[in-house]
Amino acid sequence: MTQILELDALRARFAGASGGEVFDPEFAQVAKLVFGEGDSRQAPYCGLSSLLRAPYRPDLAPTFEGLDVALLGVPMDLGVTNRPGARFGPRAVRNVERVGPYEHVLKAVPTAHVRVADVGDVPFRSRFDLASSHQDIERFISSIVDAGVVPLSVGGDHSMGLPILRAIGRDRPVGMIHIDAHCDTGGSFEGCKFHHGGPFRQAVLDGVLDPRHTIQIGIRGNSEYLWEFSFASGMTVIHAEEVDEMGLKAVIAKAREIVGDGPTYVSFDVDSLDPAFAPGTGTPEVGGLTSAQALGILRGLKGLDIIGGDVVEIAPQYDPSTNTAQIAAQVLFELLCLAAEAFRIRKTSRGRV
């Protein structure tokens, strides 16, 4: 880190320096990646909105040529059991002005190492039909996976987890780190088993999710009696109150132990957070994680084989502060950092073969 300088030395070095001129070797490397030449960047509030300010390239579908990571929206909330509105989540996250490009804890500038674009929203044939919407999600994610690209999705309600896992886990079941207030392993309600309270039960039964390599973190609320499938199938469940009791280091260690070195999907429901931090969601549950706890858990997953992820259940109309969209965008950026690191490791491993 930069040495401490006296006032005259500070004046000599910094008085005439531009904002993009950085002297500390580590920070200078970051500044070079961020600024390129000179100290000029587009204002964050200018131009068209896109996920993480990535290039907006819906034209890349269906081949996704030239991409390593695809950011996409899933504006669908036909599977909610309480308050609707998560269909507006992708637009709200796109409107967040300042996230990235540097992650100070992971010391990462992911867009400098992987090719990233916002490829737009899943094209839905019907805004009224949940079954066909799931088919559309699975088809779109499958085309991304077929291209060798990592999908990072913004929802949308959590029922989208099932078609995504069907696309990602079709060749072998994957592990999952699931951060949520609810296990989402319930059964059929009113004749429908594809609602947002049951995607991961069905994913296990479909053979695309490996329950013994699945951990669910932040669980709480009055629906505990609905989640027996999680325990019966061998999932590991860490309740919200246990996060404080165990401490973040122990929670992270348990998550890493459960998923191991296998392909891992990360699913983040914003209702995992206490409503004090993220009120804009359909099924808020008091007593949840803090933003700092959630980010700490995600940052602790660095180096795992992350092959996809999502942040879901952002219903912005219940949050005039926009805090929910802000944390959702930050979570998406953390997922991008994890995916970029995993991509780098896989690429290096292939190079050794």
Protein backbone atom coordinates (compact mmCIF):
# COMPACT_ATOMS: atom_id res chain seq x y z
CA MET A 1 0.00 0.00 0.00
CA THR A 2 1.11 3.58 -0.57
CA GLN A 3 3.59 5.00 1.96
CA ILE A 4 2.48 7.85 4.21
CA LEU A 5 3.78 11.18 2.91
CA GLU A 6 4.34 14.56 4.51
CA LEU A 7 2.36 17.57 3.27
CA ASP A 8 5.02 18.87 0.85
CA ALA A 9 5.40 15.41 -0.68
CA LEU A 10 1.62 15.03 -0.90
CA ARG A 11 1.39 18.35 -2.75
CA ALA A 12 4.18 17.37 -5.12
CA ARG A 13 2.57 14.08 -6.00
CA PHE A 14 -1.17 14.79 -5.94
CA ALA A 15 -1.86 18.50 -6.41
CA GLY A 16 -1.69 18.30 -10.18
CA ALA A 17 -2.75 14.68 -10.61
CA SER A 18 -5.98 13.75 -12.40
CA GLY A 19 -8.61 11.41 -10.98
CA GLY A 20 -7.35 8.60 -13.15
CA GLU A 21 -3.72 9.01 -12.11
CA VAL A 22 -3.05 6.53 -9.30
CA PHE A 23 0.37 5.81 -7.82
CA ASP A 24 -0.11 2.79 -5.58
CA PRO A 25 0.80 -0.24 -7.77
CA GLU A 26 -2.27 -2.30 -6.84
CA PHE A 27 -4.74 0.55 -7.23
CA ALA A 28 -2.97 1.77 -10.35
CA GLN A 29 -3.63 -1.56 -12.02
CA VAL A 30 -7.33 -1.25 -11.17
CA ALA A 31 -7.46 2.32 -12.44
CA LYS A 32 -5.86 1.22 -15.70
CA LEU A 33 -8.55 -1.41 -16.16
CA VAL A 34 -11.34 1.04 -15.30
CA PHE A 35 -10.22 4.21 -17.01
CA GLY A 36 -8.05 2.98 -19.87
CA GLU A 37 -6.56 6.13 -21.31
CA GLY A 38 -7.20 9.38 -19.45
CA ASP A 39 -9.60 10.07 -16.60
CA SER A 40 -12.89 10.34 -18.46
CA ARG A 41 -15.83 7.98 -17.96
CA GLN A 42 -19.45 8.22 -18.98
CA ALA A 43 -21.61 9.61 -16.19
CA PRO A 44 -23.51 6.76 -14.51
CA TYR A 45 -26.85 8.49 -15.04
CA CYS A 46 -26.34 8.95 -18.80
CA GLY A 47 -27.14 6.60 -21.66
CA LEU A 48 -29.45 3.61 -21.79
CA SER A 49 -29.84 1.46 -18.68
CA SER A 50 -28.53 -2.11 -18.69
CA LEU A 51 -27.67 -4.72 -16.10
CA LEU A 52 -24.41 -3.63 -14.41
CA ARG A 53 -23.94 -1.09 -17.22
CA ALA A 54 -22.83 -3.95 -19.47
CA PRO A 55 -23.24 -3.59 -23.23
CA TYR A 56 -26.88 -4.18 -24.15
CA ARG A 57 -26.79 -6.95 -26.78
CA PRO A 58 -30.11 -8.79 -27.22
CA ASP A 59 -29.04 -9.32 -30.82
CA LEU A 60 -26.51 -11.94 -29.66
CA ALA A 61 -29.26 -14.53 -29.16
CA PRO A 62 -29.47 -17.39 -29.93
CA THR A 63 -25.75 -18.11 -30.52
CA PHE A 64 -24.29 -15.70 -27.92
CA GLU A 65 -21.07 -15.71 -29.87
CA GLY A 66 -18.18 -13.84 -28.24
CA LEU A 67 -19.61 -13.99 -24.70
CA ASP A 68 -18.40 -15.63 -21.52
CA VAL A 69 -21.17 -14.41 -19.19
CA ALA A 70 -24.72 -13.44 -20.15
CA LEU A 71 -26.74 -11.14 -17.89
CA LEU A 72 -30.47 -11.45 -18.52
CA GLY A 73 -33.84 -10.45 -17.18
CA VAL A 74 -36.72 -12.79 -16.41
CA PRO A 75 -39.72 -10.44 -16.02
CA MET A 76 -42.29 -13.04 -14.93
CA ASP A 77 -44.20 -13.37 -11.64
CA LEU A 78 -47.03 -15.76 -12.48
CA GLY A 79 -45.90 -18.13 -9.72
CA VAL A 80 -46.23 -15.85 -6.68
CA THR A 81 -48.33 -16.84 -3.67
CA ASN A 82 -48.55 -13.38 -2.09
CA ARG A 83 -47.77 -9.89 -3.45
CA PRO A 84 -47.12 -9.68 -7.22
CA GLY A 85 -44.74 -7.28 -8.91
CA ALA A 86 -41.45 -9.14 -9.38
CA ARG A 87 -42.02 -8.88 -13.14
CA PHE A 88 -40.68 -5.35 -12.72
CA GLY A 89 -37.48 -6.54 -11.03
CA PRO A 90 -35.19 -6.63 -14.08
CA ARG A 91 -36.13 -3.09 -15.09
CA ALA A 92 -35.51 -1.81 -11.55
CA VAL A 93 -32.07 -3.43 -11.40
CA ARG A 94 -31.18 -2.01 -14.80
CA ASN A 95 -31.96 1.45 -13.44
CA VAL A 96 -29.35 1.19 -10.67
CA GLU A 97 -26.63 3.65 -11.63
CA ARG A 98 -23.51 2.81 -9.62
CA VAL A 99 -22.41 -0.79 -9.10
CA GLY A 100 -18.87 -1.93 -9.92
CA PRO A 101 -16.65 -2.11 -11.82
CA TYR A 102 -14.33 -2.79 -8.84
CA GLU A 103 -15.06 -5.17 -5.96
CA HIS A 104 -12.79 -4.05 -3.12
CA VAL A 105 -13.01 -7.18 -0.95
CA LEU A 106 -12.37 -9.65 -3.76
CA LYS A 107 -10.05 -7.13 -5.46
CA ALA A 108 -11.79 -7.91 -8.72
CA VAL A 109 -12.63 -6.09 -11.93
CA PRO A 110 -14.59 -8.93 -13.54
CA THR A 111 -15.33 -7.17 -16.83
CA ALA A 112 -11.60 -6.94 -17.46
CA HIS A 113 -11.30 -10.72 -17.55
CA VAL A 114 -14.55 -12.05 -19.04
CA ARG A 115 -16.71 -10.88 -21.91
CA VAL A 116 -20.04 -9.77 -20.47
CA ALA A 117 -23.24 -8.41 -22.00
CA ASP A 118 -26.83 -7.79 -21.02
CA VAL A 119 -28.60 -10.01 -23.54
CA GLY A 120 -32.04 -8.64 -22.73
CA ASP A 121 -35.08 -10.41 -21.33
CA VAL A 122 -36.36 -13.92 -21.90
CA PRO A 123 -38.83 -13.64 -24.80
CA PHE A 124 -42.16 -14.88 -23.46
CA ARG A 125 -44.92 -16.11 -25.74
CA SER A 126 -47.61 -15.30 -23.21
CA ARG A 127 -47.83 -13.05 -20.17
CA PHE A 128 -50.68 -15.19 -18.78
CA ASP A 129 -49.44 -18.82 -18.95
CA LEU A 130 -47.05 -20.03 -16.24
CA ALA A 131 -46.30 -23.38 -17.91
CA SER A 132 -45.39 -21.83 -21.25
CA SER A 133 -43.34 -19.16 -19.47
CA HIS A 134 -41.28 -21.89 -17.80
CA GLN A 135 -40.76 -23.51 -21.19
CA ASP A 136 -39.56 -20.19 -22.60
CA ILE A 137 -37.11 -19.71 -19.72
CA GLU A 138 -35.71 -23.22 -20.10
CA ARG A 139 -35.34 -22.78 -23.86
CA PHE A 140 -33.54 -19.44 -23.53
CA ILE A 141 -31.19 -20.60 -20.75
CA SER A 142 -30.47 -23.80 -22.69
CA SER A 143 -29.30 -21.75 -25.68
CA ILE A 144 -26.95 -19.82 -23.39
CA VAL A 145 -25.58 -23.02 -21.85
CA ASP A 146 -25.20 -24.62 -25.29
CA ALA A 147 -22.99 -21.68 -26.26
CA GLY A 148 -20.69 -22.34 -23.30
CA VAL A 149 -21.79 -19.10 -21.65
CA VAL A 150 -22.58 -18.63 -17.94
CA PRO A 151 -26.14 -17.30 -17.31
CA LEU A 152 -26.74 -14.80 -14.50
CA SER A 153 -30.42 -13.95 -14.25
CA VAL A 154 -32.51 -11.24 -12.61
CA GLY A 155 -36.10 -12.13 -11.80
CA GLY A 156 -38.91 -12.44 -11.63
CA ASP A 157 -40.34 -14.84 -9.06
CA HIS A 158 -38.46 -17.84 -7.76
CA SER A 159 -40.47 -20.36 -9.74
CA MET A 160 -38.01 -19.55 -12.55
CA GLY A 161 -35.42 -21.58 -10.63
CA LEU A 162 -36.92 -24.84 -11.90
CA PRO A 163 -36.62 -24.21 -15.66
CA ILE A 164 -33.16 -22.68 -15.16
CA LEU A 165 -31.94 -25.75 -13.28
CA ARG A 166 -33.53 -28.01 -15.90
CA ALA A 167 -31.36 -26.26 -18.48
CA ILE A 168 -28.16 -26.13 -16.42
CA GLY A 169 -28.47 -29.57 -14.80
CA ARG A 170 -29.80 -31.54 -17.77
CA ASP A 171 -26.51 -33.47 -18.28
CA ARG A 172 -25.72 -33.96 -14.57
CA PRO A 173 -27.33 -32.75 -11.35
CA VAL A 174 -25.68 -29.65 -9.91
CA GLY A 175 -25.12 -28.42 -6.39
CA MET A 176 -26.66 -25.18 -5.14
CA ILE A 177 -26.05 -22.43 -2.62
CA HIS A 178 -29.52 -21.02 -1.94
CA ILE A 179 -29.87 -17.84 0.14
CA ASP A 180 -33.50 -17.22 1.01
CA ALA A 181 -36.08 -16.81 3.77
CA HIS A 182 -37.88 -19.91 2.44
CA CYS A 183 -36.65 -23.34 1.38
CA ASP A 184 -38.97 -23.35 -1.65
CA THR A 185 -39.34 -27.11 -1.48
CA GLY A 186 -43.10 -27.21 -0.93
CA GLY A 187 -45.58 -29.40 -2.74
CA SER A 188 -48.59 -28.70 -4.91
CA PHE A 189 -50.89 -25.83 -3.96
CA GLU A 190 -54.36 -25.63 -5.49
CA GLY A 191 -53.43 -28.05 -8.24
CA CYS A 192 -50.14 -26.34 -9.18
CA LYS A 193 -46.67 -27.59 -8.25
CA PHE A 194 -44.75 -25.00 -10.28
CA HIS A 195 -45.25 -21.97 -7.99
CA HIS A 196 -42.39 -20.07 -6.38
CA GLY A 197 -42.66 -22.07 -3.16
CA GLY A 198 -41.66 -25.39 -4.72
CA PRO A 199 -39.08 -25.16 -7.54
CA PHE A 200 -36.31 -26.99 -5.72
CA ARG A 201 -38.43 -29.99 -4.71
CA GLN A 202 -39.30 -30.48 -8.36
CA ALA A 203 -35.71 -29.87 -9.47
CA VAL A 204 -34.53 -32.70 -7.22
CA LEU A 205 -37.31 -35.01 -8.42
CA ASP A 206 -36.39 -34.15 -12.02
CA GLY A 207 -32.80 -35.21 -11.33
CA VAL A 208 -31.24 -31.83 -12.13
CA LEU A 209 -30.43 -30.69 -8.56
CA ASP A 210 -28.28 -32.73 -6.16
CA PRO A 211 -29.80 -32.27 -2.68
CA ARG A 212 -26.75 -33.58 -0.83
CA HIS A 213 -24.70 -30.80 -2.42
CA THR A 214 -27.34 -28.13 -1.69
CA ILE A 215 -27.28 -25.70 1.22
CA GLN A 216 -30.08 -23.26 2.11
CA ILE A 217 -29.12 -20.21 4.19
CA GLY A 218 -31.29 -17.62 5.96
CA ILE A 219 -34.43 -19.75 6.35
CA ARG A 220 -37.10 -18.45 8.75
CA GLY A 221 -40.76 -17.50 9.04
CA ASN A 222 -44.08 -19.26 9.52
CA SER A 223 -43.72 -21.76 6.64
CA GLU A 224 -41.15 -24.06 8.24
CA TYR A 225 -43.62 -26.95 8.35
CA LEU A 226 -43.78 -26.94 4.53
CA TRP A 227 -40.08 -27.66 4.03
CA GLU A 228 -39.76 -31.29 5.15
CA PHE A 229 -38.56 -32.21 1.66
CA SER A 230 -35.35 -30.26 2.26
CA PHE A 231 -34.50 -32.40 5.27
CA ALA A 232 -35.79 -35.68 3.79
CA SER A 233 -33.71 -35.24 0.64
CA GLY A 234 -30.49 -34.43 2.47
CA MET A 235 -30.25 -30.68 1.93
CA THR A 236 -28.42 -28.66 4.56
CA VAL A 237 -30.53 -25.90 6.09
CA ILE A 238 -29.09 -22.98 8.08
CA HIS A 239 -31.76 -20.81 9.65
CA ALA A 240 -31.37 -17.05 9.87
CA GLU A 241 -30.84 -17.09 13.63
CA GLU A 242 -28.13 -19.73 13.23
CA VAL A 243 -26.13 -17.39 11.00
CA ASP A 244 -25.54 -15.12 14.01
CA GLU A 245 -24.86 -18.07 16.30
CA MET A 246 -22.39 -19.74 13.93
CA GLY A 247 -20.73 -16.62 12.54
CA LEU A 248 -20.10 -15.90 8.87
CA LYS A 249 -16.82 -17.83 8.68
CA ALA A 250 -18.52 -21.02 9.84
CA VAL A 251 -21.47 -20.51 7.48
CA ILE A 252 -19.11 -20.00 4.54
CA ALA A 253 -17.03 -23.02 5.52
CA LYS A 254 -20.18 -25.16 5.69
CA ALA A 255 -21.35 -23.95 2.29
CA ARG A 256 -17.98 -24.71 0.72
CA GLU A 257 -17.95 -28.15 2.35
CA ILE A 258 -21.44 -29.01 1.08
CA VAL A 259 -20.96 -28.04 -2.57
CA GLY A 260 -17.33 -29.18 -2.76
CA ASP A 261 -15.56 -28.80 -6.08
CA GLY A 262 -18.56 -29.72 -8.23
CA PRO A 263 -20.60 -27.45 -10.51
CA THR A 264 -22.59 -25.08 -8.33
CA TYR A 265 -25.55 -22.78 -8.93
CA VAL A 266 -26.14 -19.76 -6.65
CA SER A 267 -29.71 -18.61 -6.12
CA PHE A 268 -30.35 -15.42 -4.11
CA ASP A 269 -33.84 -14.36 -3.08
CA VAL A 270 -33.95 -10.77 -1.82
CA ASP A 271 -36.39 -11.83 0.90
CA SER A 272 -33.41 -13.54 2.54
CA LEU A 273 -32.67 -10.01 3.75
CA ASP A 274 -34.59 -8.43 6.59
CA PRO A 275 -37.30 -6.10 5.24
CA ALA A 276 -35.39 -3.24 6.87
CA PHE A 277 -32.85 -3.71 4.07
CA ALA A 278 -35.07 -5.03 1.26
CA PRO A 279 -38.77 -4.26 1.69
CA GLY A 280 -39.47 -4.52 -2.04
CA THR A 281 -40.40 -8.16 -2.27
CA GLY A 282 -43.52 -10.29 -2.38
CA THR A 283 -43.11 -12.38 0.79
CA PRO A 284 -41.14 -10.32 3.33
CA GLU A 285 -40.06 -12.08 6.53
CA VAL A 286 -38.74 -10.15 9.54
CA GLY A 287 -35.59 -11.32 11.30
CA GLY A 288 -33.53 -11.78 8.18
CA LEU A 289 -29.96 -11.31 7.10
CA THR A 290 -28.34 -7.91 6.91
CA SER A 291 -26.93 -6.67 3.62
CA ALA A 292 -23.43 -6.98 5.05
CA GLN A 293 -24.02 -10.60 6.08
CA ALA A 294 -25.36 -11.53 2.65
CA LEU A 295 -22.45 -9.91 0.82
CA GLY A 296 -20.00 -11.52 3.23
CA ILE A 297 -21.40 -14.98 2.48
CA LEU A 298 -21.26 -14.41 -1.27
CA ARG A 299 -17.69 -13.11 -1.14
CA GLY A 300 -16.70 -16.21 0.79
CA LEU A 301 -17.64 -18.38 -2.19
CA LYS A 302 -14.71 -17.22 -4.30
CA GLY A 303 -13.00 -20.10 -6.10
CA LEU A 304 -16.01 -22.42 -6.24
CA ASP A 305 -17.12 -23.80 -9.60
CA ILE A 306 -19.98 -21.36 -10.15
CA ILE A 307 -21.81 -22.23 -13.37
CA GLY A 308 -24.79 -19.89 -13.04
CA GLY A 309 -26.79 -17.76 -10.65
CA ASP A 310 -29.79 -15.56 -10.08
CA VAL A 311 -31.19 -12.80 -7.90
CA VAL A 312 -34.97 -12.95 -7.68
CA GLU A 313 -38.18 -11.63 -6.14
CA ILE A 314 -37.39 -7.92 -6.54
CA ALA A 315 -40.78 -6.17 -6.47
CA PRO A 316 -39.77 -2.49 -6.66
CA GLN A 317 -43.21 -0.95 -6.19
CA TYR A 318 -43.12 -1.85 -2.47
CA ASP A 319 -39.87 0.10 -1.95
CA PRO A 320 -39.87 3.79 -2.84
CA SER A 321 -36.34 4.08 -1.45
CA THR A 322 -34.99 1.76 -4.25
CA ASN A 323 -32.85 0.02 -1.61
CA THR A 324 -34.08 -3.42 -2.71
CA ALA A 325 -33.01 -2.82 -6.30
CA GLN A 326 -29.68 -1.44 -5.06
CA ILE A 327 -28.83 -4.56 -3.07
CA ALA A 328 -30.08 -6.79 -5.89
CA ALA A 329 -27.71 -5.05 -8.31
CA GLN A 330 -24.84 -5.44 -5.86
CA VAL A 331 -25.65 -9.15 -5.44
CA LEU A 332 -25.66 -9.52 -9.23
CA PHE A 333 -22.23 -7.88 -9.33
CA GLU A 334 -20.94 -10.27 -6.65
CA LEU A 335 -22.28 -13.19 -8.72
CA LEU A 336 -20.45 -11.79 -11.74
CA CYS A 337 -17.22 -11.63 -9.75
CA LEU A 338 -17.67 -15.27 -8.65
CA ALA A 339 -18.55 -16.41 -12.16
CA ALA A 340 -15.56 -14.58 -13.64
CA GLU A 341 -13.18 -16.20 -11.15
CA ALA A 342 -14.69 -19.64 -11.80
CA PHE A 343 -14.40 -19.07 -15.55
CA ARG A 344 -10.72 -18.12 -15.12
CA ILE A 345 -10.04 -21.29 -13.11
CA ARG A 346 -11.80 -23.52 -15.65
CA LYS A 347 -9.91 -21.87 -18.50
CA THR A 348 -6.60 -22.33 -16.70
CA SER A 349 -7.42 -25.98 -15.94
CA ARG A 350 -8.23 -26.64 -19.60
CA GLY A 351 -4.93 -25.06 -20.56
CA ARG A 352 -3.06 -27.53 -18.39
CA VAL A 353 -4.71 -30.56 -20.00
